[in-house]
Structure formats: C-alpha cells, structure tokens
Amino acid sequence: MRQVRLAVFEVPYEEGPLASVRYTRYGNDEMAEAVKQVDYWEEDAMDTEVYFALKNGIDATVYTSHNMDLFPNISRVAQ
C-alpha cells in the first residue's frame, strides 16, 4: 500500500485565495491518474476537504500564506 503524502508550502502573499491545493490520485501502478487544483477562500472547507482527501489515499500539496495551525484537521494528520 502506498503512503499518502502531504506537502505544505507557507509562502508570503497579500492577495489571492486562502490556499491553493493540488490533489493527486494514483493508480495501482503508482502512476498519477488524476490531478486537480482547487483555490480555497474559506478555512473550514479547505480543512475538511484536504483532511478527507488524505484519509482516502489522495495526496495533497498546499500553498498558503497562513500558518497551518489555522487548519486543525490537516495539522492532526500531518503529525
């Protein structure tokens, strides 16, 4: 079974979404099957959707200017 990956990049920016998240789903052959990028403007939506993606075996790469402590579900998974 493949290990699910979470990458977080805290980058400074003043305007734009709360976060941009790139989701990647892999097939049984370890090749990427689908990639989707979502811009989030609401904390709860991002925290919940990234958490469930990780719990369902989908990798997530997060780009945000906010501290990850703002997202308790993701922070719990990252530990």
N, C-alpha and C. Protein backbone atom coordinates (compact mmCIF):
# COMPACT_ATOMS: atom_id res chain seq x y z
N MET A 1 0.84 -1.18 0.00
CA MET A 1 0.00 0.00 0.00
C MET A 1 0.89 1.25 0.00
N ARG A 2 0.55 2.19 -0.82
CA ARG A 2 1.30 3.41 -0.98
C ARG A 2 1.05 4.39 0.17
N GLN A 3 2.10 5.07 0.60
CA GLN A 3 1.98 6.07 1.65
C GLN A 3 1.42 7.37 1.06
N VAL A 4 0.44 7.93 1.72
CA VAL A 4 -0.16 9.19 1.28
C VAL A 4 0.76 10.33 1.68
N ARG A 5 0.90 11.31 0.79
CA ARG A 5 1.81 12.43 1.04
C ARG A 5 1.06 13.75 1.17
N LEU A 6 1.49 14.53 2.15
CA LEU A 6 1.02 15.88 2.35
C LEU A 6 2.24 16.79 2.32
N ALA A 7 2.23 17.77 1.43
CA ALA A 7 3.30 18.77 1.37
C ALA A 7 2.66 20.13 1.61
N VAL A 8 3.28 20.91 2.48
CA VAL A 8 2.75 22.24 2.79
C VAL A 8 3.83 23.27 2.54
N PHE A 9 3.49 24.29 1.77
CA PHE A 9 4.39 25.39 1.49
C PHE A 9 3.74 26.67 1.99
N GLU A 10 4.30 27.23 3.04
CA GLU A 10 3.82 28.51 3.55
C GLU A 10 4.62 29.61 2.84
N VAL A 11 3.95 30.32 1.95
CA VAL A 11 4.60 31.35 1.15
C VAL A 11 3.91 32.69 1.37
N PRO A 12 4.68 33.76 1.47
CA PRO A 12 4.05 35.06 1.71
C PRO A 12 3.39 35.63 0.45
N TYR A 13 2.15 36.02 0.58
CA TYR A 13 1.45 36.77 -0.47
C TYR A 13 0.32 37.53 0.20
N GLU A 14 -0.06 38.64 -0.38
CA GLU A 14 -1.07 39.50 0.24
C GLU A 14 -2.45 39.34 -0.37
N GLU A 15 -2.52 39.07 -1.65
CA GLU A 15 -3.81 38.93 -2.31
C GLU A 15 -3.96 37.53 -2.89
N GLY A 16 -5.18 37.07 -2.95
CA GLY A 16 -5.43 35.75 -3.52
C GLY A 16 -6.18 34.88 -2.55
N PRO A 17 -6.33 33.63 -2.89
CA PRO A 17 -7.11 32.71 -2.04
C PRO A 17 -6.39 32.41 -0.73
N LEU A 18 -7.15 31.89 0.20
CA LEU A 18 -6.61 31.42 1.47
C LEU A 18 -5.52 30.39 1.21
N ALA A 19 -5.78 29.51 0.24
CA ALA A 19 -4.82 28.48 -0.12
C ALA A 19 -5.16 27.93 -1.50
N SER A 20 -4.14 27.42 -2.16
CA SER A 20 -4.31 26.63 -3.38
C SER A 20 -3.83 25.23 -3.05
N VAL A 21 -4.64 24.25 -3.40
CA VAL A 21 -4.31 22.86 -3.09
C VAL A 21 -4.33 22.05 -4.37
N ARG A 22 -3.28 21.29 -4.56
CA ARG A 22 -3.22 20.37 -5.71
C ARG A 22 -3.38 18.95 -5.18
N TYR A 23 -4.41 18.28 -5.68
CA TYR A 23 -4.70 16.90 -5.29
C TYR A 23 -4.18 15.97 -6.39
N THR A 24 -3.57 14.85 -5.99
CA THR A 24 -3.10 13.87 -6.95
C THR A 24 -3.56 12.48 -6.51
N ARG A 25 -4.24 11.78 -7.40
CA ARG A 25 -4.68 10.41 -7.14
C ARG A 25 -3.83 9.47 -8.00
N TYR A 26 -3.37 8.39 -7.38
CA TYR A 26 -2.51 7.42 -8.06
C TYR A 26 -3.24 6.11 -8.25
N GLY A 27 -2.91 5.42 -9.33
CA GLY A 27 -3.49 4.11 -9.60
C GLY A 27 -2.66 3.01 -8.96
N ASN A 28 -3.08 1.77 -9.17
CA ASN A 28 -2.37 0.63 -8.61
C ASN A 28 -0.95 0.50 -9.14
N ASP A 29 -0.70 1.07 -10.31
CA ASP A 29 0.63 1.02 -10.91
C ASP A 29 1.54 2.16 -10.44
N GLU A 30 1.06 2.93 -9.43
CA GLU A 30 1.82 4.05 -8.86
C GLU A 30 1.95 5.25 -9.81
N MET A 31 1.22 5.24 -10.90
CA MET A 31 1.23 6.36 -11.84
C MET A 31 0.05 7.29 -11.50
N ALA A 32 0.28 8.60 -11.68
CA ALA A 32 -0.79 9.56 -11.41
C ALA A 32 -1.96 9.32 -12.36
N GLU A 33 -3.15 9.22 -11.80
CA GLU A 33 -4.37 9.02 -12.60
C GLU A 33 -5.12 10.33 -12.80
N ALA A 34 -5.07 11.18 -11.78
CA ALA A 34 -5.83 12.43 -11.86
C ALA A 34 -5.15 13.49 -11.00
N VAL A 35 -5.17 14.71 -11.50
CA VAL A 35 -4.64 15.86 -10.76
C VAL A 35 -5.67 16.97 -10.84
N LYS A 36 -5.92 17.60 -9.71
CA LYS A 36 -6.90 18.68 -9.67
C LYS A 36 -6.36 19.77 -8.74
N GLN A 37 -6.49 21.02 -9.15
CA GLN A 37 -6.07 22.13 -8.30
C GLN A 37 -7.30 22.94 -7.92
N VAL A 38 -7.39 23.26 -6.62
CA VAL A 38 -8.55 23.99 -6.10
C VAL A 38 -8.05 25.19 -5.30
N ASP A 39 -8.64 26.36 -5.53
CA ASP A 39 -8.38 27.53 -4.71
C ASP A 39 -9.45 27.61 -3.64
N TYR A 40 -9.02 27.79 -2.40
CA TYR A 40 -9.95 27.88 -1.28
C TYR A 40 -9.97 29.28 -0.71
N TRP A 41 -11.17 29.73 -0.37
CA TRP A 41 -11.37 31.05 0.22
C TRP A 41 -11.90 30.93 1.64
N GLU A 42 -12.32 29.72 2.05
CA GLU A 42 -12.89 29.50 3.38
C GLU A 42 -12.09 28.44 4.12
N GLU A 43 -11.77 28.73 5.39
CA GLU A 43 -10.93 27.85 6.20
C GLU A 43 -11.55 26.46 6.39
N ASP A 44 -12.82 26.43 6.78
CA ASP A 44 -13.46 25.15 7.08
C ASP A 44 -13.53 24.23 5.87
N ALA A 45 -13.85 24.79 4.72
CA ALA A 45 -13.94 23.98 3.50
C ALA A 45 -12.59 23.36 3.17
N MET A 46 -11.55 24.16 3.23
CA MET A 46 -10.21 23.64 2.91
C MET A 46 -9.78 22.58 3.91
N ASP A 47 -9.94 22.88 5.19
CA ASP A 47 -9.52 21.95 6.24
C ASP A 47 -10.22 20.61 6.10
N THR A 48 -11.52 20.64 5.84
CA THR A 48 -12.31 19.41 5.72
C THR A 48 -11.97 18.64 4.45
N GLU A 49 -11.89 19.32 3.31
CA GLU A 49 -11.66 18.63 2.05
C GLU A 49 -10.25 18.03 1.95
N VAL A 50 -9.25 18.74 2.43
CA VAL A 50 -7.90 18.19 2.42
C VAL A 50 -7.82 16.99 3.36
N TYR A 51 -8.41 17.10 4.53
CA TYR A 51 -8.42 16.01 5.50
C TYR A 51 -9.03 14.74 4.90
N PHE A 52 -10.20 14.87 4.27
CA PHE A 52 -10.85 13.70 3.69
C PHE A 52 -10.09 13.15 2.49
N ALA A 53 -9.47 14.01 1.72
CA ALA A 53 -8.65 13.53 0.59
C ALA A 53 -7.52 12.66 1.12
N LEU A 54 -6.82 13.14 2.13
CA LEU A 54 -5.70 12.38 2.70
C LEU A 54 -6.19 11.05 3.29
N LYS A 55 -7.31 11.08 3.97
CA LYS A 55 -7.86 9.86 4.57
C LYS A 55 -8.30 8.85 3.50
N ASN A 56 -8.54 9.33 2.28
CA ASN A 56 -8.97 8.45 1.19
C ASN A 56 -7.85 8.15 0.20
N GLY A 57 -6.60 8.39 0.61
CA GLY A 57 -5.46 7.98 -0.19
C GLY A 57 -5.05 8.93 -1.30
N ILE A 58 -5.52 10.17 -1.24
CA ILE A 58 -5.19 11.16 -2.26
C ILE A 58 -4.14 12.12 -1.69
N ASP A 59 -3.05 12.31 -2.42
CA ASP A 59 -2.01 13.23 -1.99
C ASP A 59 -2.50 14.67 -2.09
N ALA A 60 -1.96 15.54 -1.23
CA ALA A 60 -2.32 16.96 -1.27
C ALA A 60 -1.07 17.81 -1.11
N THR A 61 -0.96 18.82 -1.95
CA THR A 61 0.10 19.82 -1.84
C THR A 61 -0.59 21.15 -1.61
N VAL A 62 -0.26 21.78 -0.49
CA VAL A 62 -0.93 23.01 -0.05
C VAL A 62 0.03 24.19 -0.17
N TYR A 63 -0.43 25.24 -0.81
CA TYR A 63 0.30 26.51 -0.88
C TYR A 63 -0.56 27.55 -0.17
N THR A 64 -0.04 28.15 0.89
CA THR A 64 -0.81 29.12 1.66
C THR A 64 0.10 30.15 2.31
N SER A 65 -0.46 31.30 2.61
CA SER A 65 0.30 32.30 3.35
C SER A 65 -0.03 32.25 4.84
N HIS A 66 -0.87 31.31 5.21
CA HIS A 66 -1.31 31.18 6.61
C HIS A 66 -0.59 30.04 7.31
N ASN A 67 -0.49 30.16 8.62
CA ASN A 67 0.10 29.11 9.43
C ASN A 67 -0.84 27.91 9.44
N MET A 68 -0.31 26.73 9.37
CA MET A 68 -1.13 25.52 9.31
C MET A 68 -1.89 25.25 10.60
N ASP A 69 -1.55 25.93 11.68
CA ASP A 69 -2.32 25.79 12.92
C ASP A 69 -3.76 26.27 12.73
N LEU A 70 -4.01 27.04 11.71
CA LEU A 70 -5.35 27.53 11.38
C LEU A 70 -6.25 26.38 10.90
N PHE A 71 -5.66 25.25 10.55
CA PHE A 71 -6.40 24.12 9.99
C PHE A 71 -6.19 22.88 10.88
N PRO A 72 -7.01 22.71 11.91
CA PRO A 72 -6.78 21.66 12.90
C PRO A 72 -6.83 20.23 12.35
N ASN A 73 -7.72 19.94 11.41
CA ASN A 73 -7.80 18.58 10.88
C ASN A 73 -6.53 18.21 10.10
N ILE A 74 -6.08 19.14 9.26
CA ILE A 74 -4.86 18.87 8.48
C ILE A 74 -3.66 18.77 9.40
N SER A 75 -3.59 19.65 10.40
CA SER A 75 -2.47 19.62 11.35
C SER A 75 -2.41 18.28 12.08
N ARG A 76 -3.56 17.72 12.40
CA ARG A 76 -3.62 16.44 13.11
C ARG A 76 -3.08 15.32 12.24
N VAL A 77 -3.41 15.34 10.96
CA VAL A 77 -2.94 14.32 10.03
C VAL A 77 -1.43 14.46 9.80
N ALA A 78 -0.94 15.68 9.79
CA ALA A 78 0.46 15.95 9.49
C ALA A 78 1.41 15.50 10.60
N GLN A 79 0.90 15.26 11.78
CA GLN A 79 1.77 14.89 12.90
C GLN A 79 2.23 13.47 12.84
